[in-house]
Amino acid sequence: MSIYRTRDGDVVDAVAFAHYGHEDMVEAVFAANPGLAARGPVLPSGVTIVLPERPARPAVQRLRLWGRE
């Protein structure tokens, strides 16, 4: 878990993209920060946002299409 303090004009999807490298975690950020969505799309400076850890990716099973390794 990380903590981010907003700067004037920050938006949650841009903060998530900057932290995680993609916007897939936006819903998790809102879930970890009750009331954040009520502040509107553009945040003022000084809002503390909890950035949760990414869930572990499931192991990928590789399929061998041909008999060779």
N, C-alpha and C. Protein backbone atom coordinates (compact mmCIF):
# COMPACT_ATOMS: atom_id res chain seq x y z
N MET A 1 0.84 -1.17 0.00
CA MET A 1 0.00 0.00 0.00
C MET A 1 0.89 1.24 0.00
N SER A 2 0.49 2.21 -0.79
CA SER A 2 1.20 3.49 -0.85
C SER A 2 0.21 4.61 -0.57
N ILE A 3 0.73 5.74 -0.17
CA ILE A 3 -0.09 6.93 0.09
C ILE A 3 0.34 8.00 -0.91
N TYR A 4 -0.65 8.68 -1.49
CA TYR A 4 -0.38 9.77 -2.42
C TYR A 4 -1.15 10.99 -1.95
N ARG A 5 -0.51 12.13 -1.95
CA ARG A 5 -1.17 13.39 -1.63
C ARG A 5 -1.33 14.17 -2.93
N THR A 6 -2.57 14.53 -3.23
CA THR A 6 -2.86 15.16 -4.52
C THR A 6 -2.29 16.57 -4.63
N ARG A 7 -2.09 16.93 -5.89
CA ARG A 7 -1.78 18.32 -6.25
C ARG A 7 -3.02 18.87 -6.93
N ASP A 8 -3.19 20.16 -6.91
CA ASP A 8 -4.38 20.78 -7.50
C ASP A 8 -4.55 20.33 -8.95
N GLY A 9 -5.73 19.80 -9.27
CA GLY A 9 -6.03 19.39 -10.63
C GLY A 9 -5.82 17.91 -10.90
N ASP A 10 -5.32 17.14 -9.93
CA ASP A 10 -5.15 15.70 -10.13
C ASP A 10 -6.49 15.03 -10.37
N VAL A 11 -6.48 13.97 -11.16
CA VAL A 11 -7.65 13.11 -11.35
C VAL A 11 -7.22 11.68 -11.01
N VAL A 12 -8.15 10.89 -10.49
CA VAL A 12 -7.80 9.57 -9.97
C VAL A 12 -7.23 8.65 -11.05
N ASP A 13 -7.80 8.66 -12.24
CA ASP A 13 -7.29 7.75 -13.27
C ASP A 13 -5.85 8.10 -13.66
N ALA A 14 -5.50 9.36 -13.67
CA ALA A 14 -4.12 9.75 -13.99
C ALA A 14 -3.17 9.37 -12.85
N VAL A 15 -3.62 9.50 -11.61
CA VAL A 15 -2.81 9.08 -10.46
C VAL A 15 -2.58 7.58 -10.52
N ALA A 16 -3.64 6.82 -10.81
CA ALA A 16 -3.51 5.36 -10.92
C ALA A 16 -2.57 4.98 -12.05
N PHE A 17 -2.68 5.65 -13.18
CA PHE A 17 -1.80 5.34 -14.31
C PHE A 17 -0.34 5.64 -13.95
N ALA A 18 -0.10 6.75 -13.30
CA ALA A 18 1.27 7.11 -12.93
C ALA A 18 1.86 6.11 -11.93
N HIS A 19 1.04 5.61 -11.03
CA HIS A 19 1.53 4.69 -9.99
C HIS A 19 1.65 3.25 -10.49
N TYR A 20 0.63 2.78 -11.21
CA TYR A 20 0.58 1.37 -11.60
C TYR A 20 1.03 1.11 -13.04
N GLY A 21 1.05 2.15 -13.87
CA GLY A 21 1.42 1.95 -15.27
C GLY A 21 0.24 1.63 -16.16
N HIS A 22 -0.95 1.58 -15.59
CA HIS A 22 -2.20 1.36 -16.34
C HIS A 22 -3.35 1.84 -15.46
N GLU A 23 -4.54 1.91 -16.05
CA GLU A 23 -5.70 2.43 -15.32
C GLU A 23 -6.60 1.33 -14.77
N ASP A 24 -6.17 0.07 -14.82
CA ASP A 24 -7.01 -1.05 -14.38
C ASP A 24 -7.31 -1.02 -12.88
N MET A 25 -6.57 -0.27 -12.12
CA MET A 25 -6.73 -0.26 -10.66
C MET A 25 -7.60 0.90 -10.16
N VAL A 26 -8.22 1.66 -11.05
CA VAL A 26 -9.00 2.82 -10.62
C VAL A 26 -10.12 2.41 -9.67
N GLU A 27 -10.85 1.35 -9.99
CA GLU A 27 -11.94 0.91 -9.12
C GLU A 27 -11.42 0.49 -7.75
N ALA A 28 -10.26 -0.17 -7.71
CA ALA A 28 -9.66 -0.57 -6.43
C ALA A 28 -9.25 0.65 -5.62
N VAL A 29 -8.78 1.70 -6.29
CA VAL A 29 -8.41 2.93 -5.59
C VAL A 29 -9.65 3.57 -4.97
N PHE A 30 -10.75 3.63 -5.72
CA PHE A 30 -11.99 4.17 -5.16
C PHE A 30 -12.49 3.31 -4.00
N ALA A 31 -12.38 1.99 -4.12
CA ALA A 31 -12.82 1.09 -3.05
C ALA A 31 -11.99 1.29 -1.78
N ALA A 32 -10.72 1.59 -1.93
CA ALA A 32 -9.83 1.79 -0.78
C ALA A 32 -9.98 3.17 -0.16
N ASN A 33 -10.71 4.06 -0.84
CA ASN A 33 -10.85 5.45 -0.39
C ASN A 33 -12.32 5.86 -0.39
N PRO A 34 -13.10 5.42 0.61
CA PRO A 34 -14.51 5.79 0.66
C PRO A 34 -14.67 7.31 0.65
N GLY A 35 -15.60 7.79 -0.14
CA GLY A 35 -15.86 9.22 -0.22
C GLY A 35 -15.03 9.95 -1.26
N LEU A 36 -14.06 9.29 -1.83
CA LEU A 36 -13.20 9.95 -2.82
C LEU A 36 -13.99 10.35 -4.07
N ALA A 37 -14.87 9.48 -4.53
CA ALA A 37 -15.66 9.77 -5.73
C ALA A 37 -16.57 10.98 -5.52
N ALA A 38 -17.02 11.20 -4.29
CA ALA A 38 -17.90 12.32 -3.99
C ALA A 38 -17.20 13.67 -4.14
N ARG A 39 -15.88 13.66 -4.18
CA ARG A 39 -15.12 14.91 -4.33
C ARG A 39 -15.16 15.44 -5.75
N GLY A 40 -15.63 14.61 -6.69
CA GLY A 40 -15.69 15.03 -8.08
C GLY A 40 -14.49 14.53 -8.86
N PRO A 41 -14.51 14.75 -10.18
CA PRO A 41 -13.45 14.20 -11.02
C PRO A 41 -12.09 14.89 -10.86
N VAL A 42 -12.09 16.18 -10.60
CA VAL A 42 -10.83 16.93 -10.46
C VAL A 42 -10.64 17.23 -8.97
N LEU A 43 -9.52 16.75 -8.43
CA LEU A 43 -9.29 16.85 -6.99
C LEU A 43 -8.47 18.10 -6.63
N PRO A 44 -8.75 18.67 -5.47
CA PRO A 44 -7.92 19.78 -4.99
C PRO A 44 -6.61 19.25 -4.42
N SER A 45 -5.71 20.12 -4.13
CA SER A 45 -4.44 19.69 -3.53
C SER A 45 -4.66 19.26 -2.08
N GLY A 46 -3.83 18.33 -1.63
CA GLY A 46 -3.85 17.92 -0.24
C GLY A 46 -4.75 16.76 0.11
N VAL A 47 -5.42 16.16 -0.87
CA VAL A 47 -6.26 15.00 -0.58
C VAL A 47 -5.34 13.78 -0.49
N THR A 48 -5.47 13.02 0.59
CA THR A 48 -4.67 11.81 0.77
C THR A 48 -5.40 10.64 0.14
N ILE A 49 -4.71 9.94 -0.76
CA ILE A 49 -5.28 8.78 -1.46
C ILE A 49 -4.45 7.55 -1.10
N VAL A 50 -5.14 6.50 -0.68
CA VAL A 50 -4.49 5.21 -0.44
C VAL A 50 -4.44 4.47 -1.77
N LEU A 51 -3.25 4.04 -2.16
CA LEU A 51 -3.07 3.27 -3.39
C LEU A 51 -2.80 1.82 -2.99
N PRO A 52 -3.81 0.94 -3.14
CA PRO A 52 -3.66 -0.44 -2.68
C PRO A 52 -2.66 -1.22 -3.53
N GLU A 53 -2.19 -2.33 -2.96
CA GLU A 53 -1.28 -3.21 -3.70
C GLU A 53 -2.04 -3.86 -4.86
N ARG A 54 -1.32 -4.15 -5.91
CA ARG A 54 -1.91 -4.89 -7.02
C ARG A 54 -2.16 -6.33 -6.58
N PRO A 55 -3.28 -6.91 -7.01
CA PRO A 55 -3.48 -8.33 -6.70
C PRO A 55 -2.46 -9.17 -7.45
N ALA A 56 -2.09 -10.28 -6.86
CA ALA A 56 -1.12 -11.17 -7.51
C ALA A 56 -1.74 -11.73 -8.79
N ARG A 57 -0.93 -11.80 -9.82
CA ARG A 57 -1.41 -12.38 -11.08
C ARG A 57 -1.40 -13.90 -10.96
N PRO A 58 -2.44 -14.54 -11.48
CA PRO A 58 -2.44 -16.00 -11.43
C PRO A 58 -1.36 -16.56 -12.33
N ALA A 59 -0.84 -17.72 -11.94
CA ALA A 59 0.18 -18.38 -12.76
C ALA A 59 -0.41 -18.76 -14.11
N VAL A 60 0.36 -18.57 -15.14
CA VAL A 60 -0.09 -18.88 -16.49
C VAL A 60 0.43 -20.25 -16.87
N GLN A 61 -0.48 -21.11 -17.28
CA GLN A 61 -0.06 -22.44 -17.73
C GLN A 61 0.23 -22.35 -19.22
N ARG A 62 1.42 -22.74 -19.59
CA ARG A 62 1.81 -22.68 -21.00
C ARG A 62 1.46 -23.99 -21.68
N LEU A 63 0.88 -23.87 -22.84
CA LEU A 63 0.54 -25.03 -23.63
C LEU A 63 1.58 -25.24 -24.70
N ARG A 64 2.00 -26.46 -24.88
CA ARG A 64 2.97 -26.79 -25.91
C ARG A 64 2.20 -27.29 -27.13
N LEU A 65 2.30 -26.56 -28.23
CA LEU A 65 1.58 -26.94 -29.44
C LEU A 65 2.31 -28.01 -30.24
N TRP A 66 3.60 -28.04 -30.12
CA TRP A 66 4.41 -29.00 -30.87
C TRP A 66 5.16 -29.87 -29.88
N GLY A 67 5.65 -31.00 -30.30
CA GLY A 67 6.32 -31.95 -29.42
C GLY A 67 7.68 -31.52 -28.94
N ARG A 68 8.25 -30.49 -29.52
CA ARG A 68 9.59 -30.03 -29.13
C ARG A 68 9.55 -29.14 -27.91
N GLU A 69 10.69 -29.10 -27.22
CA GLU A 69 10.79 -28.20 -26.07
C GLU A 69 11.50 -26.94 -26.44
